[in-house]
Amino acid sequence: GAQIALYGHTHKALEKEENGVTVLNPGTLSRMAREKSYLY
């Protein structure tokens, strides 16, 4: 019954709609990543 799904693991920031749910990945803050991000 959630409207939002939060996940990580891929190290890639993402925002999309799927199955009536907004799916959000904040990305990564890893030292090794070229692109670092978080979600507000």
PDB file of all heavy atoms in Angstrom:
ATOM      1  N   GLY A   1       0.801  -1.220   0.000  1.00  0.00           N
ATOM      2  CA  GLY A   1       0.000   0.000   0.000  1.00  0.00           C
ATOM      3  C   GLY A   1       0.833   1.268   0.000  1.00  0.00           C
ATOM      4  O   GLY A   1       0.350   2.352   0.332  1.00  0.00           O
ATOM      5  N   ALA A   2       2.107   1.134  -0.395  1.00  0.00           N
ATOM      6  CA  ALA A   2       3.019   2.281  -0.402  1.00  0.00           C
ATOM      7  C   ALA A   2       2.907   3.069  -1.704  1.00  0.00           C
ATOM      8  O   ALA A   2       2.731   2.491  -2.776  1.00  0.00           O
ATOM      9  CB  ALA A   2       4.457   1.806  -0.195  1.00  0.00           C
ATOM     10  N   GLN A   3       3.043   4.363  -1.586  1.00  0.00           N
ATOM     11  CA  GLN A   3       3.060   5.237  -2.761  1.00  0.00           C
ATOM     12  C   GLN A   3       4.484   5.471  -3.264  1.00  0.00           C
ATOM     13  O   GLN A   3       4.691   5.866  -4.403  1.00  0.00           O
ATOM     14  CB  GLN A   3       2.414   6.599  -2.427  1.00  0.00           C
ATOM     15  CG  GLN A   3       0.938   6.523  -2.140  1.00  0.00           C
ATOM     16  CD  GLN A   3       0.611   6.034  -0.720  1.00  0.00           C
ATOM     17  OE1 GLN A   3       1.437   6.066   0.179  1.00  0.00           O
ATOM     18  NE2 GLN A   3      -0.607   5.545  -0.538  1.00  0.00           N
ATOM     19  N   ILE A   4       5.466   5.217  -2.384  1.00  0.00           N
ATOM     20  CA  ILE A   4       6.876   5.438  -2.699  1.00  0.00           C
ATOM     21  C   ILE A   4       7.664   4.180  -2.364  1.00  0.00           C
ATOM     22  O   ILE A   4       7.421   3.551  -1.333  1.00  0.00           O
ATOM     23  CB  ILE A   4       7.452   6.621  -1.883  1.00  0.00           C
ATOM     24  CG1 ILE A   4       6.687   7.913  -2.197  1.00  0.00           C
ATOM     25  CG2 ILE A   4       8.942   6.791  -2.140  1.00  0.00           C
ATOM     26  CD1 ILE A   4       7.022   9.056  -1.253  1.00  0.00           C
ATOM     27  N   ALA A   5       8.608   3.813  -3.238  1.00  0.00           N
ATOM     28  CA  ALA A   5       9.552   2.726  -2.964  1.00  0.00           C
ATOM     29  C   ALA A   5      10.961   3.310  -3.013  1.00  0.00           C
ATOM     30  O   ALA A   5      11.351   3.912  -4.020  1.00  0.00           O
ATOM     31  CB  ALA A   5       9.415   1.604  -3.985  1.00  0.00           C
ATOM     32  N   LEU A   6      11.712   3.141  -1.931  1.00  0.00           N
ATOM     33  CA  LEU A   6      13.098   3.598  -1.854  1.00  0.00           C
ATOM     34  C   LEU A   6      14.024   2.388  -1.900  1.00  0.00           C
ATOM     35  O   LEU A   6      13.765   1.389  -1.226  1.00  0.00           O
ATOM     36  CB  LEU A   6      13.353   4.338  -0.537  1.00  0.00           C
ATOM     37  CG  LEU A   6      12.538   5.585  -0.251  1.00  0.00           C
ATOM     38  CD1 LEU A   6      12.853   6.100   1.157  1.00  0.00           C
ATOM     39  CD2 LEU A   6      12.818   6.663  -1.285  1.00  0.00           C
ATOM     40  N   TYR A   7      15.088   2.504  -2.687  1.00  0.00           N
ATOM     41  CA  TYR A   7      16.069   1.422  -2.743  1.00  0.00           C
ATOM     42  C   TYR A   7      17.432   1.983  -3.120  1.00  0.00           C
ATOM     43  O   TYR A   7      17.554   3.115  -3.595  1.00  0.00           O
ATOM     44  CB  TYR A   7      15.646   0.350  -3.761  1.00  0.00           C
ATOM     45  CG  TYR A   7      15.856   0.743  -5.198  1.00  0.00           C
ATOM     46  CD1 TYR A   7      16.945   0.255  -5.919  1.00  0.00           C
ATOM     47  CD2 TYR A   7      14.988   1.612  -5.851  1.00  0.00           C
ATOM     48  CE1 TYR A   7      17.153   0.620  -7.245  1.00  0.00           C
ATOM     49  CE2 TYR A   7      15.178   1.972  -7.162  1.00  0.00           C
ATOM     50  CZ  TYR A   7      16.272   1.483  -7.863  1.00  0.00           C
ATOM     51  OH  TYR A   7      16.476   1.851  -9.167  1.00  0.00           O
ATOM     52  N   GLY A   8      18.471   1.184  -2.914  1.00  0.00           N
ATOM     53  CA  GLY A   8      19.837   1.532  -3.289  1.00  0.00           C
ATOM     54  C   GLY A   8      20.419   0.432  -4.164  1.00  0.00           C
ATOM     55  O   GLY A   8      19.819   0.025  -5.140  1.00  0.00           O
ATOM     56  N   HIS A   9      21.606  -0.037  -3.802  1.00  0.00           N
ATOM     57  CA  HIS A   9      22.279  -1.202  -4.392  1.00  0.00           C
ATOM     58  C   HIS A   9      22.912  -0.947  -5.753  1.00  0.00           C
ATOM     59  O   HIS A   9      24.012  -1.407  -5.998  1.00  0.00           O
ATOM     60  CB  HIS A   9      21.323  -2.389  -4.452  1.00  0.00           C
ATOM     61  CG  HIS A   9      21.962  -3.700  -4.804  1.00  0.00           C
ATOM     62  ND1 HIS A   9      23.020  -4.221  -4.098  1.00  0.00           N
ATOM     63  CD2 HIS A   9      21.671  -4.590  -5.782  1.00  0.00           C
ATOM     64  CE1 HIS A   9      23.368  -5.382  -4.631  1.00  0.00           C
ATOM     65  NE2 HIS A   9      22.574  -5.632  -5.652  1.00  0.00           N
ATOM     66  N   THR A  10      22.266  -0.230  -6.646  1.00  0.00           N
ATOM     67  CA  THR A  10      22.780  -0.074  -8.015  1.00  0.00           C
ATOM     68  C   THR A  10      23.811   1.047  -8.141  1.00  0.00           C
ATOM     69  O   THR A  10      24.510   1.112  -9.148  1.00  0.00           O
ATOM     70  CB  THR A  10      21.644   0.228  -9.008  1.00  0.00           C
ATOM     71  OG1 THR A  10      21.071   1.493  -8.696  1.00  0.00           O
ATOM     72  CG2 THR A  10      20.593  -0.862  -8.988  1.00  0.00           C
ATOM     73  N   HIS A  11      23.872   1.930  -7.152  1.00  0.00           N
ATOM     74  CA  HIS A  11      24.740   3.115  -7.163  1.00  0.00           C
ATOM     75  C   HIS A  11      24.320   4.126  -8.233  1.00  0.00           C
ATOM     76  O   HIS A  11      25.079   5.038  -8.534  1.00  0.00           O
ATOM     77  CB  HIS A  11      26.216   2.739  -7.370  1.00  0.00           C
ATOM     78  CG  HIS A  11      26.809   1.976  -6.235  1.00  0.00           C
ATOM     79  ND1 HIS A  11      28.152   1.979  -5.967  1.00  0.00           N
ATOM     80  CD2 HIS A  11      26.246   1.180  -5.280  1.00  0.00           C
ATOM     81  CE1 HIS A  11      28.399   1.216  -4.915  1.00  0.00           C
ATOM     82  NE2 HIS A  11      27.248   0.725  -4.480  1.00  0.00           N
ATOM     83  N   LYS A  12      23.129   3.972  -8.784  1.00  0.00           N
ATOM     84  CA  LYS A  12      22.648   4.891  -9.830  1.00  0.00           C
ATOM     85  C   LYS A  12      21.351   5.550  -9.364  1.00  0.00           C
ATOM     86  O   LYS A  12      20.365   4.873  -9.084  1.00  0.00           O
ATOM     87  CB  LYS A  12      22.399   4.136 -11.125  1.00  0.00           C
ATOM     88  CG  LYS A  12      23.672   3.599 -11.724  1.00  0.00           C
ATOM     89  CD  LYS A  12      23.415   2.868 -13.012  1.00  0.00           C
ATOM     90  CE  LYS A  12      24.752   2.384 -13.543  1.00  0.00           C
ATOM     91  NZ  LYS A  12      24.659   1.189 -14.316  1.00  0.00           N
ATOM     92  N   ALA A  13      21.379   6.866  -9.303  1.00  0.00           N
ATOM     93  CA  ALA A  13      20.181   7.609  -8.915  1.00  0.00           C
ATOM     94  C   ALA A  13      19.094   7.383  -9.967  1.00  0.00           C
ATOM     95  O   ALA A  13      19.374   7.285 -11.160  1.00  0.00           O
ATOM     96  CB  ALA A  13      20.507   9.091  -8.800  1.00  0.00           C
ATOM     97  N   LEU A  14      17.851   7.284  -9.476  1.00  0.00           N
ATOM     98  CA  LEU A  14      16.736   7.012 -10.383  1.00  0.00           C
ATOM     99  C   LEU A  14      15.452   7.546  -9.778  1.00  0.00           C
ATOM    100  O   LEU A  14      15.266   7.504  -8.556  1.00  0.00           O
ATOM    101  CB  LEU A  14      16.592   5.509 -10.604  1.00  0.00           C
ATOM    102  CG  LEU A  14      15.412   5.071 -11.465  1.00  0.00           C
ATOM    103  CD1 LEU A  14      15.796   5.103 -12.930  1.00  0.00           C
ATOM    104  CD2 LEU A  14      14.940   3.696 -11.068  1.00  0.00           C
ATOM    105  N   GLU A  15      14.583   8.027 -10.640  1.00  0.00           N
ATOM    106  CA  GLU A  15      13.244   8.441 -10.241  1.00  0.00           C
ATOM    107  C   GLU A  15      12.309   8.062 -11.378  1.00  0.00           C
ATOM    108  O   GLU A  15      12.493   8.489 -12.519  1.00  0.00           O
ATOM    109  CB  GLU A  15      13.216   9.951 -10.006  1.00  0.00           C
ATOM    110  CG  GLU A  15      11.887  10.464  -9.551  1.00  0.00           C
ATOM    111  CD  GLU A  15      11.931  11.942  -9.190  1.00  0.00           C
ATOM    112  OE1 GLU A  15      12.967  12.602  -9.410  1.00  0.00           O
ATOM    113  OE2 GLU A  15      10.909  12.436  -8.704  1.00  0.00           O
ATOM    114  N   LYS A  16      11.307   7.207 -11.074  1.00  0.00           N
ATOM    115  CA  LYS A  16      10.352   6.805 -12.100  1.00  0.00           C
ATOM    116  C   LYS A  16       9.064   6.310 -11.468  1.00  0.00           C
ATOM    117  O   LYS A  16       9.022   6.019 -10.265  1.00  0.00           O
ATOM    118  CB  LYS A  16      10.939   5.751 -13.027  1.00  0.00           C
ATOM    119  CG  LYS A  16      11.083   4.369 -12.425  1.00  0.00           C
ATOM    120  CD  LYS A  16      11.599   3.399 -13.469  1.00  0.00           C
ATOM    121  CE  LYS A  16      11.643   1.982 -12.957  1.00  0.00           C
ATOM    122  NZ  LYS A  16      12.064   1.043 -13.977  1.00  0.00           N
ATOM    123  N   GLU A  17       8.025   6.207 -12.279  1.00  0.00           N
ATOM    124  CA  GLU A  17       6.731   5.656 -11.860  1.00  0.00           C
ATOM    125  C   GLU A  17       6.619   4.237 -12.402  1.00  0.00           C
ATOM    126  O   GLU A  17       6.952   3.983 -13.560  1.00  0.00           O
ATOM    127  CB  GLU A  17       5.588   6.498 -12.426  1.00  0.00           C
ATOM    128  CG  GLU A  17       5.515   7.903 -11.903  1.00  0.00           C
ATOM    129  CD  GLU A  17       5.060   7.978 -10.472  1.00  0.00           C
ATOM    130  OE1 GLU A  17       4.189   7.178 -10.067  1.00  0.00           O
ATOM    131  OE2 GLU A  17       5.590   8.834  -9.739  1.00  0.00           O
ATOM    132  N   GLU A  18       6.131   3.327 -11.554  1.00  0.00           N
ATOM    133  CA  GLU A  18       5.960   1.941 -11.981  1.00  0.00           C
ATOM    134  C   GLU A  18       4.944   1.269 -11.068  1.00  0.00           C
ATOM    135  O   GLU A  18       5.034   1.390  -9.845  1.00  0.00           O
ATOM    136  CB  GLU A  18       7.315   1.219 -11.905  1.00  0.00           C
ATOM    137  CG  GLU A  18       7.316  -0.178 -12.451  1.00  0.00           C
ATOM    138  CD  GLU A  18       8.718  -0.756 -12.472  1.00  0.00           C
ATOM    139  OE1 GLU A  18       9.356  -0.834 -11.388  1.00  0.00           O
ATOM    140  OE2 GLU A  18       9.182  -1.116 -13.555  1.00  0.00           O
ATOM    141  N   ASN A  19       3.978   0.580 -11.648  1.00  0.00           N
ATOM    142  CA  ASN A  19       2.946  -0.121 -10.877  1.00  0.00           C
ATOM    143  C   ASN A  19       2.208   0.812  -9.910  1.00  0.00           C
ATOM    144  O   ASN A  19       1.817   0.408  -8.821  1.00  0.00           O
ATOM    145  CB  ASN A  19       3.534  -1.308 -10.099  1.00  0.00           C
ATOM    146  CG  ASN A  19       3.981  -2.430 -10.991  1.00  0.00           C
ATOM    147  OD1 ASN A  19       3.343  -2.728 -11.997  1.00  0.00           O
ATOM    148  ND2 ASN A  19       5.090  -3.066 -10.636  1.00  0.00           N
ATOM    149  N   GLY A  20       2.054   2.086 -10.300  1.00  0.00           N
ATOM    150  CA  GLY A  20       1.369   3.046  -9.445  1.00  0.00           C
ATOM    151  C   GLY A  20       2.195   3.532  -8.270  1.00  0.00           C
ATOM    152  O   GLY A  20       1.678   4.169  -7.354  1.00  0.00           O
ATOM    153  N   VAL A  21       3.494   3.256  -8.293  1.00  0.00           N
ATOM    154  CA  VAL A  21       4.413   3.608  -7.208  1.00  0.00           C
ATOM    155  C   VAL A  21       5.528   4.494  -7.772  1.00  0.00           C
ATOM    156  O   VAL A  21       6.022   4.237  -8.873  1.00  0.00           O
ATOM    157  CB  VAL A  21       5.032   2.330  -6.583  1.00  0.00           C
ATOM    158  CG1 VAL A  21       6.088   2.663  -5.543  1.00  0.00           C
ATOM    159  CG2 VAL A  21       3.945   1.444  -5.992  1.00  0.00           C
ATOM    160  N   THR A  22       5.919   5.508  -7.028  1.00  0.00           N
ATOM    161  CA  THR A  22       7.102   6.292  -7.396  1.00  0.00           C
ATOM    162  C   THR A  22       8.318   5.566  -6.835  1.00  0.00           C
ATOM    163  O   THR A  22       8.423   5.372  -5.620  1.00  0.00           O
ATOM    164  CB  THR A  22       7.022   7.722  -6.852  1.00  0.00           C
ATOM    165  OG1 THR A  22       5.866   8.358  -7.408  1.00  0.00           O
ATOM    166  CG2 THR A  22       8.260   8.518  -7.238  1.00  0.00           C
ATOM    167  N   VAL A  23       9.211   5.158  -7.710  1.00  0.00           N
ATOM    168  CA  VAL A  23      10.410   4.405  -7.348  1.00  0.00           C
ATOM    169  C   VAL A  23      11.591   5.375  -7.337  1.00  0.00           C
ATOM    170  O   VAL A  23      11.839   6.060  -8.332  1.00  0.00           O
ATOM    171  CB  VAL A  23      10.644   3.253  -8.351  1.00  0.00           C
ATOM    172  CG1 VAL A  23      11.902   2.487  -8.007  1.00  0.00           C
ATOM    173  CG2 VAL A  23       9.433   2.334  -8.397  1.00  0.00           C
ATOM    174  N   LEU A  24      12.302   5.421  -6.207  1.00  0.00           N
ATOM    175  CA  LEU A  24      13.385   6.386  -6.028  1.00  0.00           C
ATOM    176  C   LEU A  24      14.654   5.707  -5.520  1.00  0.00           C
ATOM    177  O   LEU A  24      14.605   4.934  -4.570  1.00  0.00           O
ATOM    178  CB  LEU A  24      12.975   7.459  -5.014  1.00  0.00           C
ATOM    179  CG  LEU A  24      11.749   8.296  -5.359  1.00  0.00           C
ATOM    180  CD1 LEU A  24      11.290   9.088  -4.136  1.00  0.00           C
ATOM    181  CD2 LEU A  24      12.053   9.216  -6.524  1.00  0.00           C
ATOM    182  N   ASN A  25      15.760   6.008  -6.160  1.00  0.00           N
ATOM    183  CA  ASN A  25      17.076   5.556  -5.717  1.00  0.00           C
ATOM    184  C   ASN A  25      17.929   6.808  -5.530  1.00  0.00           C
ATOM    185  O   ASN A  25      18.079   7.592  -6.470  1.00  0.00           O
ATOM    186  CB  ASN A  25      17.703   4.635  -6.764  1.00  0.00           C
ATOM    187  CG  ASN A  25      19.029   4.052  -6.325  1.00  0.00           C
ATOM    188  OD1 ASN A  25      19.835   4.702  -5.671  1.00  0.00           O
ATOM    189  ND2 ASN A  25      19.291   2.817  -6.714  1.00  0.00           N
ATOM    190  N   PRO A  26      18.496   7.018  -4.333  1.00  0.00           N
ATOM    191  CA  PRO A  26      19.286   8.225  -4.092  1.00  0.00           C
ATOM    192  C   PRO A  26      20.664   8.217  -4.738  1.00  0.00           C
ATOM    193  O   PRO A  26      21.358   9.232  -4.729  1.00  0.00           O
ATOM    194  CB  PRO A  26      19.421   8.254  -2.569  1.00  0.00           C
ATOM    195  CG  PRO A  26      19.367   6.819  -2.176  1.00  0.00           C
ATOM    196  CD  PRO A  26      18.387   6.182  -3.138  1.00  0.00           C
ATOM    197  N   GLY A  27      21.080   7.096  -5.302  1.00  0.00           N
ATOM    198  CA  GLY A  27      22.438   6.986  -5.828  1.00  0.00           C
ATOM    199  C   GLY A  27      23.389   6.545  -4.733  1.00  0.00           C
ATOM    200  O   GLY A  27      23.004   5.845  -3.800  1.00  0.00           O
ATOM    201  N   THR A  28      24.628   6.982  -4.811  1.00  0.00           N
ATOM    202  CA  THR A  28      25.666   6.539  -3.875  1.00  0.00           C
ATOM    203  C   THR A  28      26.494   7.718  -3.385  1.00  0.00           C
ATOM    204  O   THR A  28      26.570   8.754  -4.052  1.00  0.00           O
ATOM    205  CB  THR A  28      26.596   5.514  -4.546  1.00  0.00           C
ATOM    206  OG1 THR A  28      27.576   5.060  -3.591  1.00  0.00           O
ATOM    207  CG2 THR A  28      27.321   6.073  -5.754  1.00  0.00           C
ATOM    208  N   LEU A  29      27.108   7.532  -2.238  1.00  0.00           N
ATOM    209  CA  LEU A  29      28.089   8.480  -1.716  1.00  0.00           C
ATOM    210  C   LEU A  29      29.470   7.826  -1.633  1.00  0.00           C
ATOM    211  O   LEU A  29      30.380   8.358  -1.005  1.00  0.00           O
ATOM    212  CB  LEU A  29      27.677   8.982  -0.326  1.00  0.00           C
ATOM    213  CG  LEU A  29      26.429   9.857  -0.283  1.00  0.00           C
ATOM    214  CD1 LEU A  29      26.075  10.208   1.157  1.00  0.00           C
ATOM    215  CD2 LEU A  29      26.607  11.113  -1.107  1.00  0.00           C
ATOM    216  N   SER A  30      29.646   6.685  -2.271  1.00  0.00           N
ATOM    217  CA  SER A  30      30.902   5.952  -2.236  1.00  0.00           C
ATOM    218  C   SER A  30      32.057   6.808  -2.754  1.00  0.00           C
ATOM    219  O   SER A  30      31.911   7.557  -3.719  1.00  0.00           O
ATOM    220  CB  SER A  30      30.782   4.692  -3.096  1.00  0.00           C
ATOM    221  OG  SER A  30      32.035   4.064  -3.245  1.00  0.00           O
ATOM    222  N   ARG A  31      33.221   6.676  -2.107  1.00  0.00           N
ATOM    223  CA  ARG A  31      34.425   7.400  -2.553  1.00  0.00           C
ATOM    224  C   ARG A  31      34.761   7.085  -4.000  1.00  0.00           C
ATOM    225  O   ARG A  31      35.288   7.923  -4.718  1.00  0.00           O
ATOM    226  CB  ARG A  31      35.620   7.011  -1.681  1.00  0.00           C
ATOM    227  CG  ARG A  31      35.652   7.646  -0.332  1.00  0.00           C
ATOM    228  CD  ARG A  31      36.951   7.300   0.380  1.00  0.00           C
ATOM    229  NE  ARG A  31      37.036   5.886   0.689  1.00  0.00           N
ATOM    230  CZ  ARG A  31      36.650   5.339   1.827  1.00  0.00           C
ATOM    231  NH1 ARG A  31      36.176   6.095   2.780  1.00  0.00           N
ATOM    232  NH2 ARG A  31      36.746   4.058   2.039  1.00  0.00           N
ATOM    233  N   MET A  32      34.498   5.863  -4.428  1.00  0.00           N
ATOM    234  CA  MET A  32      34.907   5.414  -5.757  1.00  0.00           C
ATOM    235  C   MET A  32      33.964   5.891  -6.873  1.00  0.00           C
ATOM    236  O   MET A  32      34.291   5.777  -8.041  1.00  0.00           O
ATOM    237  CB  MET A  32      34.989   3.888  -5.783  1.00  0.00           C
ATOM    238  CG  MET A  32      35.880   3.319  -4.692  1.00  0.00           C
ATOM    239  SD  MET A  32      37.485   4.114  -4.629  1.00  0.00           S
ATOM    240  CE  MET A  32      38.431   2.931  -5.523  1.00  0.00           C
ATOM    241  N   ALA A  33      32.814   6.408  -6.524  1.00  0.00           N
ATOM    242  CA  ALA A  33      31.827   6.795  -7.533  1.00  0.00           C
ATOM    243  C   ALA A  33      32.208   8.113  -8.202  1.00  0.00           C
ATOM    244  O   ALA A  33      32.655   9.050  -7.547  1.00  0.00           O
ATOM    245  CB  ALA A  33      30.456   6.929  -6.896  1.00  0.00           C
ATOM    246  N   ARG A  34      32.019   8.157  -9.509  1.00  0.00           N
ATOM    247  CA  ARG A  34      32.237   9.410 -10.238  1.00  0.00           C
ATOM    248  C   ARG A  34      31.116  10.399  -9.949  1.00  0.00           C
ATOM    249  O   ARG A  34      31.330  11.592  -9.877  1.00  0.00           O
ATOM    250  CB  ARG A  34      32.344   9.154 -11.737  1.00  0.00           C
ATOM    251  CG  ARG A  34      33.630   8.446 -12.112  1.00  0.00           C
ATOM    252  CD  ARG A  34      34.037   8.611 -13.561  1.00  0.00           C
ATOM    253  NE  ARG A  34      33.009   8.426 -14.543  1.00  0.00           N
ATOM    254  CZ  ARG A  34      32.811   7.341 -15.269  1.00  0.00           C
ATOM    255  NH1 ARG A  34      33.602   6.305 -15.106  1.00  0.00           N
ATOM    256  NH2 ARG A  34      31.862   7.271 -16.161  1.00  0.00           N
ATOM    257  N   GLU A  35      29.901   9.870  -9.825  1.00  0.00           N
ATOM    258  CA  GLU A  35      28.747  10.714  -9.507  1.00  0.00           C
ATOM    259  C   GLU A  35      28.214  10.328  -8.141  1.00  0.00           C
ATOM    260  O   GLU A  35      27.833   9.184  -7.920  1.00  0.00           O
ATOM    261  CB  GLU A  35      27.655  10.533 -10.565  1.00  0.00           C
ATOM    262  CG  GLU A  35      28.066  11.027 -11.927  1.00  0.00           C
ATOM    263  CD  GLU A  35      26.968  10.874 -12.955  1.00  0.00           C
ATOM    264  OE1 GLU A  35      25.807  10.580 -12.599  1.00  0.00           O
ATOM    265  OE2 GLU A  35      27.275  11.044 -14.137  1.00  0.00           O
ATOM    266  N   LYS A  36      28.212  11.301  -7.233  1.00  0.00           N
ATOM    267  CA  LYS A  36      27.700  11.077  -5.879  1.00  0.00           C
ATOM    268  C   LYS A  36      26.404  11.862  -5.714  1.00  0.00           C
ATOM    269  O   LYS A  36      26.285  12.986  -6.204  1.00  0.00           O
ATOM    270  CB  LYS A  36      28.716  11.540  -4.845  1.00  0.00           C
ATOM    271  CG  LYS A  36      30.007  10.753  -4.859  1.00  0.00           C
ATOM    272  CD  LYS A  36      31.000  11.352  -3.880  1.00  0.00           C
ATOM    273  CE  LYS A  36      32.316  10.629  -3.870  1.00  0.00           C
ATOM    274  NZ  LYS A  36      32.999  10.570  -5.129  1.00  0.00           N
ATOM    275  N   SER A  37      25.442  11.261  -5.010  1.00  0.00           N
ATOM    276  CA  SER A  37      24.166  11.945  -4.828  1.00  0.00           C
ATOM    277  C   SER A  37      23.419  11.388  -3.622  1.00  0.00           C
ATOM    278  O   SER A  37      23.748  10.332  -3.093  1.00  0.00           O
ATOM    279  CB  SER A  37      23.298  11.805  -6.080  1.00  0.00           C
ATOM    280  OG  SER A  37      23.039  10.445  -6.370  1.00  0.00           O
ATOM    281  N   TYR A  38      22.415  12.144  -3.208  1.00  0.00           N
ATOM    282  CA  TYR A  38      21.472  11.705  -2.180  1.00  0.00           C
ATOM    283  C   TYR A  38      20.096  12.201  -2.593  1.00  0.00           C
ATOM    284  O   TYR A  38      19.952  12.933  -3.585  1.00  0.00           O
ATOM    285  CB  TYR A  38      21.881  12.191  -0.782  1.00  0.00           C
ATOM    286  CG  TYR A  38      21.831  13.685  -0.583  1.00  0.00           C
ATOM    287  CD1 TYR A  38      20.696  14.319  -0.068  1.00  0.00           C
ATOM    288  CD2 TYR A  38      22.935  14.490  -0.886  1.00  0.00           C
ATOM    289  CE1 TYR A  38      20.657  15.686   0.128  1.00  0.00           C
ATOM    290  CE2 TYR A  38      22.899  15.855  -0.694  1.00  0.00           C
ATOM    291  CZ  TYR A  38      21.756  16.444  -0.189  1.00  0.00           C
ATOM    292  OH  TYR A  38      21.715  17.801   0.002  1.00  0.00           O
ATOM    293  N   LEU A  39      19.077  11.810  -1.849  1.00  0.00           N
ATOM    294  CA  LEU A  39      17.699  12.162  -2.173  1.00  0.00           C
ATOM    295  C   LEU A  39      17.130  13.057  -1.083  1.00  0.00           C
ATOM    296  O   LEU A  39      17.302  12.779   0.110  1.00  0.00           O
ATOM    297  CB  LEU A  39      16.849  10.892  -2.284  1.00  0.00           C
ATOM    298  CG  LEU A  39      15.358  11.082  -2.520  1.00  0.00           C
ATOM    299  CD1 LEU A  39      15.092  11.615  -3.924  1.00  0.00           C
ATOM    300  CD2 LEU A  39      14.623   9.762  -2.318  1.00  0.00           C
ATOM    301  N   TYR A  40      16.474  14.127  -1.496  1.00  0.00           N
ATOM    302  CA  TYR A  40      15.751  15.009  -0.587  1.00  0.00           C
ATOM    303  C   TYR A  40      14.276  14.858  -0.913  1.00  0.00           C
ATOM    304  O   TYR A  40      13.860  15.067  -2.048  1.00  0.00           O
ATOM    305  CB  TYR A  40      16.215  16.455  -0.779  1.00  0.00           C
ATOM    306  CG  TYR A  40      15.804  17.382   0.332  1.00  0.00           C
ATOM    307  CD1 TYR A  40      16.489  17.405   1.537  1.00  0.00           C
ATOM    308  CD2 TYR A  40      14.732  18.251   0.174  1.00  0.00           C
ATOM    309  CE1 TYR A  40      16.123  18.258   2.563  1.00  0.00           C
ATOM    310  CE2 TYR A  40      14.356  19.112   1.196  1.00  0.00           C
ATOM    311  CZ  TYR A  40      15.058  19.113   2.378  1.00  0.00           C
ATOM    312  OH  TYR A  40      14.684  19.956   3.398  1.00  0.00           O
TER     313      TYR A  40
END
